[in-house]
């Protein structure tokens, strides 16, 4: 009775967990993962000291992943411990108290905003370090917590969850305050990423918007003519801007080529046209896999680069056992998301938010070294996947 009165009849648990989740997403002081055990403890007490997860089998798979990842990559220090954060993330996602689409949506927004806040804080710190001219043209970027240089890839990935929410926010979100806050954070973060030359987030944004629009228009058929016309005009305007930029650059209209080449994103797009060796390196990585079944970063050592793929990086670090375990979980998550996306009669417009998350995770986990450089992104993604699983279980 006392436990019920203290924990379950007020908002203390929700407020505490939300604050701690925000600190995880923003990777506060570069130790965001350390808040996970505290969140787990609060939720365990809230459950009256009873252990509960969505699926015990899935939890065991993630625990075995953590043990095998640690066992086979013991020489890699900090990264070897990361495997144990995934079962904690699963426990947290399983025990957030309300399991309806509105509550899940709010938690996704919270996590998206917290990670976007990290991007914005990094941009402010870089502006202070380099001043305006350096902010525009420098290729050196910094993490605000460590004050150390960080690649643009690892900075930019923190905006991806917010990008995944954008179509739902623009078309279906009815809470004007939530919409205004999220879109404002997106504009600030995306502006910085464009300035520092990030291509992937621009492509991801187009994929989420276009993919969600086509799915709603052609399959769900729930979008009205006004929304459809507005969205088509937005896409047309964006394409027109890209086409105009290409023409001004290619034909050097009004001497714009020299001016545009000063911008980092134009330099990187030019590099892509000359030749991106990422896919060639990926095929080389795969060809070397049979010879190194037990990890140890042997393949990345030979090629002198990472695979830029979540599952292949797991294999490179710790070998085939954790790869099999995390692949089983990945397939399970995919099935959960597809079940939600196809069941629009039950979940309504929420399926489009799930579709955005699916596109985001599929693209980024296949293109970026998330396991080695963006562990918070992996943790947040797993919490979101577990929340979606909870909806299906309910």
Foldseek 3Di string as FASTA:
>chain_A
DVLCVVAPPDCPLVVVLLVLLLCLLLCPLVPSLVSLVVNLVSLCSNVVVDQDFLDPVLLVLLVVLLVLLCVLQVVPPPLNNLSVSLSSLRSNLRRPPDQALVVLVVSLLSSLLSLLVQLLLQLVVQCVVQPDVCLQFPQWTAGPSVRHTDHLLLSLLSNQSLLLCLQCLVAPDPPPVSSVSSVVSNVSNVVSSVSSADDLSVVLSCCLNVVLLCCCVPPVVPDDPVRVVVSVVVVVVVVVVVVVVVCCQVVVPPVCVVVVCSGNNVVVVVVVVVHDCLVVLLVQLVVCQVVQQAAPLPSCVVVVHDNQAQLSNSCNNGGDSSSVSVVVVVVVLVVLLVVLLVPCVVRPPSNSSSVSLVSSCVSNNGGGHCSVRPSSSVSSNSSSSSSSSSNVSD
